[in-house]
Amino acid sequence: MNWWQKFKTNPLARLGVSILAIFYAIAIGAGFFAPYHPVNNVQKEGSLLPPTPIHWTNPDGEFIGPYVYPVRQGPTDLESGKRELIVDRTQPSPIRPFVKGYDYRLFGIIPANIHLFGTVGEGQINLLGTDEQGRDQFSRLVFGGQISLFIGLVGIAISFPIGLIVGGISGYFGGWVDTALMRLVEVLMTIPGIYLLVALASVLDPGLSSAKRFLLIVTIISFIRWAGLARVIRGQVLSIKETEFVQAARAMGANPFYIIVRHVLPQTATYTIVAATLAIPGFIVAESVLSLIGLGIQQPDASWGNLLASATNASILVFQPWLVWPPALLVVLTVLSFNLIGDGLRDALDPRSLR
């Protein structure tokens, strides 16, 4: 049984792949799946609305299909802290598939304004309620996935090539090159990333756009996290460079860097693939934590991290839990799915299991 067949027979690994495939598909097509614009669509008197009730029958009990009523917030009960909902039952708004709405680019390329679902009329469907600004929480969650899901992929695209090259050069050449590079790696590994980012945030322009802040977060985290990979790769290269095919390439006069890239580093692919799947969750959690404490993606732009920032408000946790649990659950499921895939790959690529 080869490694791919073994991986496919792992039910937990397949579950992780299925969950991530759904999450990434929705994030890539966020404009299609999100019924409302995550920033510009602000409902009048619609802050902190609970998930919209969906009705299927008219007042006489006849089935007429899904619809919602326009809802707005009423006065707050000073004793209980709860807010009254004012429902306009004179304007039922049918829920329809493939409705027109705000303009977006499907997959970032194709101009479009069709959405998977929406309402016809005054009522809006807020599957996960609205935030304190009256914006649809479901739409913000979908668009927030574009940042939170892809930050891990961008992170390993930066950190892993650096770790592989530095580890390969250090292990292959040895001597003073190995000593100098490993001392650099040890210095980087002693730097506490969170404190570095806090210090950096204190000197940044507060008007920095979320896009630039996003790239800065990814870059800083990536340049810290390659050090651990470099140490492991260096250890593997120390043994790989003594193998016969590497010695033969060296005897034929091949360039050392060609040998490293063409012959040595590919032999570390098994470890690298597994390490990549296990490293992505670290970037996702880092972005969530940084945005949660105000150092990451800032309002009005959405990420799962800054959507979780509402969890710091005790009243939100008690009276508006729909603002906290969905992003928290998505982060947990994403991290768990990557870990399941990593464990599945580790088992499938284990040489003892391929005999």
Protein backbone atom coordinates (compact mmCIF):
# COMPACT_ATOMS: atom_id res chain seq x y z
CA MET A 1 0.00 0.00 0.00
CA ASN A 2 1.54 3.37 -1.03
CA TRP A 3 1.35 6.46 1.15
CA TRP A 4 -1.53 8.04 -0.81
CA GLN A 5 -3.71 4.96 -0.49
CA LYS A 6 -2.94 4.77 3.21
CA PHE A 7 -3.75 8.45 3.65
CA LYS A 8 -7.10 8.06 1.88
CA THR A 9 -8.08 5.19 4.15
CA ASN A 10 -7.58 7.37 7.25
CA PRO A 11 -11.10 8.58 8.17
CA LEU A 12 -9.90 11.43 10.40
CA ALA A 13 -7.57 12.75 7.69
CA ARG A 14 -10.42 12.63 5.16
CA LEU A 15 -12.61 14.52 7.62
CA GLY A 16 -9.95 17.22 7.97
CA VAL A 17 -9.58 17.53 4.19
CA SER A 18 -13.37 17.77 3.74
CA ILE A 19 -13.75 20.51 6.36
CA LEU A 20 -10.88 22.57 4.95
CA ALA A 21 -12.11 22.12 1.37
CA ILE A 22 -15.47 23.60 2.39
CA PHE A 23 -13.89 26.45 4.35
CA TYR A 24 -11.46 27.44 1.57
CA ALA A 25 -14.14 27.20 -1.13
CA ILE A 26 -16.40 29.53 0.83
CA ALA A 27 -13.54 31.94 1.57
CA ILE A 28 -12.45 32.09 -2.08
CA GLY A 29 -16.04 32.69 -3.23
CA ALA A 30 -16.90 34.93 -0.26
CA GLY A 31 -18.76 37.47 -2.37
CA PHE A 32 -21.06 34.76 -3.69
CA PHE A 33 -21.76 33.09 -0.34
CA ALA A 34 -22.09 36.27 1.76
CA PRO A 35 -25.50 37.93 1.21
CA TYR A 36 -24.34 41.39 2.36
CA HIS A 37 -21.25 43.54 2.12
CA PRO A 38 -19.13 42.99 5.25
CA VAL A 39 -18.40 46.71 5.78
CA ASN A 40 -20.84 48.92 3.87
CA ASN A 41 -24.12 47.19 4.69
CA VAL A 42 -25.23 48.77 7.97
CA GLN A 43 -28.80 48.17 9.06
CA LYS A 44 -30.62 51.16 10.49
CA GLU A 45 -31.55 50.46 14.11
CA GLY A 46 -30.19 46.97 13.57
CA SER A 47 -27.25 46.72 15.97
CA LEU A 48 -26.81 43.50 17.96
CA LEU A 49 -29.80 41.77 16.41
CA PRO A 50 -30.05 38.03 17.18
CA PRO A 51 -30.12 35.47 14.33
CA THR A 52 -33.13 36.17 12.12
CA PRO A 53 -36.06 33.75 12.61
CA ILE A 54 -37.05 32.10 9.33
CA HIS A 55 -40.76 31.48 8.78
CA TRP A 56 -42.26 28.88 6.45
CA THR A 57 -46.00 29.31 6.88
CA ASN A 58 -48.33 32.31 6.83
CA PRO A 59 -50.42 33.32 9.90
CA ASP A 60 -53.14 30.91 8.69
CA GLY A 61 -50.72 27.97 8.78
CA GLU A 62 -50.37 27.60 5.02
CA PHE A 63 -46.91 26.73 3.66
CA ILE A 64 -45.63 29.58 1.49
CA GLY A 65 -41.85 29.03 1.56
CA PRO A 66 -39.12 30.66 3.64
CA TYR A 67 -39.43 34.35 4.47
CA VAL A 68 -38.40 36.83 7.17
CA TYR A 69 -39.84 39.98 8.67
CA PRO A 70 -38.01 43.32 8.98
CA VAL A 71 -36.61 43.59 12.51
CA ARG A 72 -35.11 46.49 14.43
CA GLN A 73 -33.98 47.08 17.96
CA GLY A 74 -36.31 48.69 20.46
CA PRO A 75 -35.57 50.23 23.86
CA THR A 76 -33.37 48.46 26.41
CA ASP A 77 -34.76 47.09 29.66
CA LEU A 78 -32.61 48.81 32.27
CA GLU A 79 -33.16 46.05 34.84
CA SER A 80 -32.41 42.97 32.74
CA GLY A 81 -30.19 44.60 30.09
CA LYS A 82 -32.19 42.96 27.29
CA ARG A 83 -33.38 44.88 24.26
CA GLU A 84 -36.84 44.61 22.81
CA LEU A 85 -37.15 43.55 19.18
CA ILE A 86 -39.64 45.39 17.00
CA VAL A 87 -40.90 43.12 14.21
CA ASP A 88 -42.78 44.58 11.23
CA ARG A 89 -45.15 41.77 10.28
CA THR A 90 -46.74 43.82 7.50
CA GLN A 91 -43.74 43.35 5.18
CA PRO A 92 -42.82 39.66 4.82
CA SER A 93 -39.67 39.32 2.73
CA PRO A 94 -39.25 36.03 0.82
CA ILE A 95 -35.85 34.30 0.86
CA ARG A 96 -34.70 33.51 -2.66
CA PRO A 97 -31.63 31.81 -4.15
CA PHE A 98 -29.29 33.65 -6.52
CA VAL A 99 -30.41 37.21 -5.80
CA LYS A 100 -28.65 40.36 -6.96
CA GLY A 101 -26.79 42.49 -4.45
CA TYR A 102 -23.51 44.35 -3.99
CA ASP A 103 -20.76 44.09 -6.61
CA TYR A 104 -17.75 41.83 -6.03
CA ARG A 105 -15.20 39.79 -7.96
CA LEU A 106 -15.75 36.05 -7.94
CA PHE A 107 -12.46 34.28 -7.16
CA GLY A 108 -10.95 37.77 -7.18
CA ILE A 109 -11.22 37.96 -10.98
CA ILE A 110 -14.75 37.75 -12.42
CA PRO A 111 -17.05 40.78 -11.81
CA ALA A 112 -20.38 39.64 -10.37
CA ASN A 113 -23.28 40.72 -8.17
CA ILE A 114 -25.19 37.45 -7.72
CA HIS A 115 -25.32 35.88 -4.25
CA LEU A 116 -26.21 32.37 -3.17
CA PHE A 117 -29.22 33.58 -1.21
CA GLY A 118 -30.89 36.76 -0.05
CA THR A 119 -34.25 38.39 0.57
CA VAL A 120 -36.68 40.26 -1.63
CA GLY A 121 -38.14 43.19 0.26
CA GLU A 122 -37.31 45.26 3.32
CA GLY A 123 -36.37 42.36 5.59
CA GLN A 124 -32.79 41.10 5.85
CA ILE A 125 -31.69 37.61 6.75
CA ASN A 126 -28.95 37.62 9.37
CA LEU A 127 -28.09 33.96 9.91
CA LEU A 128 -25.76 34.81 12.78
CA GLY A 129 -27.27 38.13 13.83
CA THR A 130 -25.61 41.53 13.54
CA ASP A 131 -22.70 43.19 15.30
CA GLU A 132 -22.69 46.43 17.28
CA GLN A 133 -22.61 48.45 14.03
CA GLY A 134 -25.59 46.64 12.50
CA ARG A 135 -23.48 44.65 10.01
CA ASP A 136 -24.35 41.08 9.09
CA GLN A 137 -22.19 38.78 11.20
CA PHE A 138 -22.38 35.84 8.78
CA SER A 139 -21.08 37.96 5.90
CA ARG A 140 -18.24 39.30 8.03
CA LEU A 141 -17.39 35.77 9.13
CA VAL A 142 -17.21 34.57 5.51
CA PHE A 143 -15.00 37.47 4.40
CA GLY A 144 -12.91 37.18 7.56
CA GLY A 145 -12.00 33.65 6.48
CA GLN A 146 -10.08 35.07 3.53
CA ILE A 147 -7.53 36.53 5.93
CA SER A 148 -7.54 33.92 8.68
CA LEU A 149 -7.33 30.93 6.32
CA PHE A 150 -4.77 32.27 3.86
CA ILE A 151 -2.41 33.80 6.41
CA GLY A 152 -1.13 30.29 7.17
CA LEU A 153 -0.50 29.47 3.50
CA VAL A 154 1.31 32.76 2.94
CA GLY A 155 3.26 32.24 6.15
CA ILE A 156 4.69 28.85 5.18
CA ALA A 157 5.36 30.13 1.64
CA ILE A 158 7.76 32.62 3.24
CA SER A 159 9.17 30.74 6.21
CA PHE A 160 9.64 27.23 4.79
CA PRO A 161 11.86 28.12 1.81
CA ILE A 162 14.09 30.12 4.17
CA GLY A 163 14.25 27.29 6.69
CA LEU A 164 14.96 24.69 4.00
CA ILE A 165 17.74 26.69 2.33
CA VAL A 166 19.43 27.76 5.58
CA GLY A 167 19.20 24.25 7.05
CA GLY A 168 20.44 22.68 3.83
CA ILE A 169 23.43 24.99 3.51
CA SER A 170 24.34 24.63 7.19
CA GLY A 171 24.19 20.84 7.17
CA TYR A 172 25.92 20.36 3.82
CA PHE A 173 28.89 22.70 4.24
CA GLY A 174 29.42 22.28 7.99
CA GLY A 175 32.42 24.02 9.59
CA TRP A 176 32.28 27.73 10.21
CA VAL A 177 29.25 28.10 7.92
CA ASP A 178 27.30 25.66 10.08
CA THR A 179 28.45 27.35 13.28
CA ALA A 180 27.52 30.86 12.11
CA LEU A 181 24.11 29.89 10.75
CA MET A 182 23.16 27.84 13.81
CA ARG A 183 24.12 30.68 16.16
CA LEU A 184 21.85 32.95 14.10
CA VAL A 185 19.07 30.37 14.36
CA GLU A 186 19.51 30.15 18.13
CA VAL A 187 19.31 33.93 18.46
CA LEU A 188 16.08 34.03 16.43
CA MET A 189 14.56 31.22 18.48
CA THR A 190 15.11 33.21 21.67
CA ILE A 191 13.10 36.18 20.37
CA PRO A 192 9.58 36.13 21.85
CA GLY A 193 7.41 36.82 18.84
CA ILE A 194 4.42 38.29 20.66
CA TYR A 195 6.56 40.90 22.45
CA LEU A 196 8.30 41.81 19.21
CA LEU A 197 4.94 42.41 17.54
CA VAL A 198 3.68 44.45 20.50
CA ALA A 199 6.78 46.63 20.33
CA LEU A 200 6.38 46.97 16.57
CA ALA A 201 2.74 47.96 16.90
CA SER A 202 3.66 50.81 19.22
CA VAL A 203 5.74 52.51 16.51
CA LEU A 204 3.48 51.83 13.53
CA ASP A 205 1.35 54.49 11.92
CA PRO A 206 -2.15 54.03 13.42
CA GLY A 207 -3.60 54.80 9.98
CA LEU A 208 -1.89 51.78 8.41
CA SER A 209 -4.34 49.89 6.20
CA SER A 210 -5.41 46.38 7.14
CA ALA A 211 -3.84 45.01 3.94
CA LYS A 212 -0.43 46.41 4.87
CA ARG A 213 -0.88 45.33 8.48
CA PHE A 214 -1.78 41.84 7.27
CA LEU A 215 1.38 41.59 5.18
CA LEU A 216 3.44 42.93 8.07
CA ILE A 217 2.04 40.33 10.48
CA VAL A 218 2.74 37.50 8.05
CA THR A 219 6.25 38.71 7.29
CA ILE A 220 7.28 39.22 10.91
CA ILE A 221 5.87 35.88 12.07
CA SER A 222 7.44 34.09 9.09
CA PHE A 223 10.92 35.50 9.69
CA ILE A 224 10.79 34.29 13.28
CA ARG A 225 9.37 30.82 12.69
CA TRP A 226 11.77 29.49 10.06
CA ALA A 227 14.52 28.94 12.64
CA GLY A 228 13.07 25.77 14.15
CA LEU A 229 12.63 24.18 10.72
CA ALA A 230 16.22 25.06 9.78
CA ARG A 231 17.57 23.18 12.80
CA VAL A 232 15.64 20.01 11.93
CA ILE A 233 16.57 20.15 8.23
CA ARG A 234 20.21 20.69 9.13
CA GLY A 235 20.17 17.50 11.21
CA GLN A 236 18.65 15.52 8.34
CA VAL A 237 21.10 16.92 5.79
CA LEU A 238 24.07 15.88 7.94
CA SER A 239 23.14 12.25 7.30
CA ILE A 240 21.79 12.64 3.75
CA LYS A 241 25.01 14.23 2.44
CA GLU A 242 26.89 11.02 3.25
CA THR A 243 24.68 8.86 1.03
CA GLU A 244 26.07 7.33 -2.17
CA PHE A 245 24.06 9.37 -4.67
CA VAL A 246 25.20 12.64 -3.07
CA GLN A 247 28.80 11.46 -3.02
CA ALA A 248 28.51 10.48 -6.70
CA ALA A 249 27.13 13.91 -7.65
CA ARG A 250 29.97 15.57 -5.74
CA ALA A 251 32.58 13.35 -7.47
CA MET A 252 31.15 14.35 -10.86
CA GLY A 253 31.85 17.97 -10.01
CA ALA A 254 28.28 19.18 -9.50
CA ASN A 255 27.83 22.59 -7.97
CA PRO A 256 27.24 22.34 -4.18
CA PHE A 257 24.09 24.48 -4.33
CA TYR A 258 22.76 22.33 -7.17
CA ILE A 259 23.36 19.23 -5.05
CA ILE A 260 21.58 20.80 -2.08
CA VAL A 261 18.50 21.87 -4.06
CA ARG A 262 18.32 18.94 -6.49
CA HIS A 263 19.46 15.95 -4.43
CA VAL A 264 19.54 16.73 -0.70
CA LEU A 265 16.48 18.84 0.12
CA PRO A 266 14.02 16.61 -1.81
CA GLN A 267 14.97 13.81 0.58
CA THR A 268 13.50 15.90 3.42
CA ALA A 269 10.12 16.22 1.67
CA THR A 270 8.41 13.74 3.99
CA TYR A 271 9.19 15.78 7.07
CA THR A 272 8.61 19.11 5.31
CA ILE A 273 5.10 18.19 4.14
CA VAL A 274 4.04 17.07 7.60
CA ALA A 275 5.67 20.08 9.27
CA ALA A 276 3.89 22.46 6.88
CA THR A 277 0.44 21.07 7.68
CA LEU A 278 1.20 21.36 11.39
CA ALA A 279 2.68 24.87 11.08
CA ILE A 280 -0.29 26.47 9.31
CA PRO A 281 -2.51 26.33 12.43
CA GLY A 282 0.18 28.23 14.32
CA PHE A 283 -0.06 31.15 11.89
CA ILE A 284 -3.87 31.11 12.07
CA VAL A 285 -3.86 31.17 15.87
CA ALA A 286 -1.19 33.89 15.89
CA GLU A 287 -3.29 36.12 13.62
CA SER A 288 -6.36 35.47 15.78
CA VAL A 289 -4.52 36.35 18.98
CA LEU A 290 -2.94 39.49 17.50
CA SER A 291 -6.23 40.73 16.09
CA LEU A 292 -7.95 39.90 19.38
CA ILE A 293 -5.57 42.15 21.32
CA GLY A 294 -5.73 44.91 18.71
CA LEU A 295 -2.42 44.36 16.90
CA GLY A 296 -3.75 42.58 13.84
CA ILE A 297 -6.51 43.29 11.35
CA GLN A 298 -8.46 46.34 12.48
CA GLN A 299 -12.09 47.34 12.14
CA PRO A 300 -13.98 47.81 9.90
CA ASP A 301 -12.17 44.99 8.05
CA ALA A 302 -12.99 41.51 9.29
CA SER A 303 -10.90 38.54 10.36
CA TRP A 304 -11.80 35.74 12.72
CA GLY A 305 -9.40 37.24 15.24
CA ASN A 306 -10.97 40.68 15.44
CA LEU A 307 -14.45 39.15 15.37
CA LEU A 308 -13.41 37.34 18.52
CA ALA A 309 -12.44 40.66 20.09
CA SER A 310 -16.06 41.06 21.18
CA ALA A 311 -15.41 38.20 23.61
CA THR A 312 -13.59 40.68 25.84
CA ASN A 313 -16.94 42.28 26.64
CA ALA A 314 -18.78 40.37 29.37
CA SER A 315 -22.18 41.65 28.31
CA ILE A 316 -21.60 40.37 24.77
CA LEU A 317 -20.84 36.90 26.12
CA VAL A 318 -24.08 36.91 28.10
CA PHE A 319 -26.55 38.69 25.80
CA GLN A 320 -25.06 38.34 22.29
CA PRO A 321 -23.22 34.98 22.22
CA TRP A 322 -23.75 34.72 18.44
CA LEU A 323 -20.88 37.23 18.07
CA VAL A 324 -18.40 34.99 19.88
CA TRP A 325 -19.09 31.30 19.34
CA PRO A 326 -19.12 31.12 15.50
CA PRO A 327 -15.61 32.62 14.95
CA ALA A 328 -14.25 30.64 17.91
CA LEU A 329 -15.71 27.42 16.51
CA LEU A 330 -14.28 28.11 13.04
CA VAL A 331 -10.78 28.70 14.43
CA VAL A 332 -10.99 25.47 16.46
CA LEU A 333 -12.27 23.44 13.49
CA THR A 334 -9.61 24.84 11.15
CA VAL A 335 -6.75 24.15 13.55
CA LEU A 336 -8.13 20.69 14.32
CA SER A 337 -8.51 19.86 10.60
CA PHE A 338 -4.92 20.81 9.80
CA ASN A 339 -3.72 18.72 12.73
CA LEU A 340 -5.77 15.73 11.54
CA ILE A 341 -4.25 16.05 8.07
CA GLY A 342 -0.77 16.38 9.54
CA ASP A 343 -1.23 13.28 11.66
CA GLY A 344 -2.62 11.40 8.66
CA LEU A 345 0.35 12.37 6.50
CA ARG A 346 2.80 11.47 9.24
CA ASP A 347 1.29 8.00 9.54
CA ALA A 348 1.06 7.53 5.77
CA LEU A 349 4.63 8.65 5.10
CA ASP A 350 6.15 6.59 7.90
CA PRO A 351 8.64 4.28 6.11
CA ARG A 352 7.73 1.40 8.43
CA SER A 353 4.11 1.58 7.25
CA LEU A 354 5.05 1.49 3.55
CA ARG A 355 6.67 -1.92 3.63
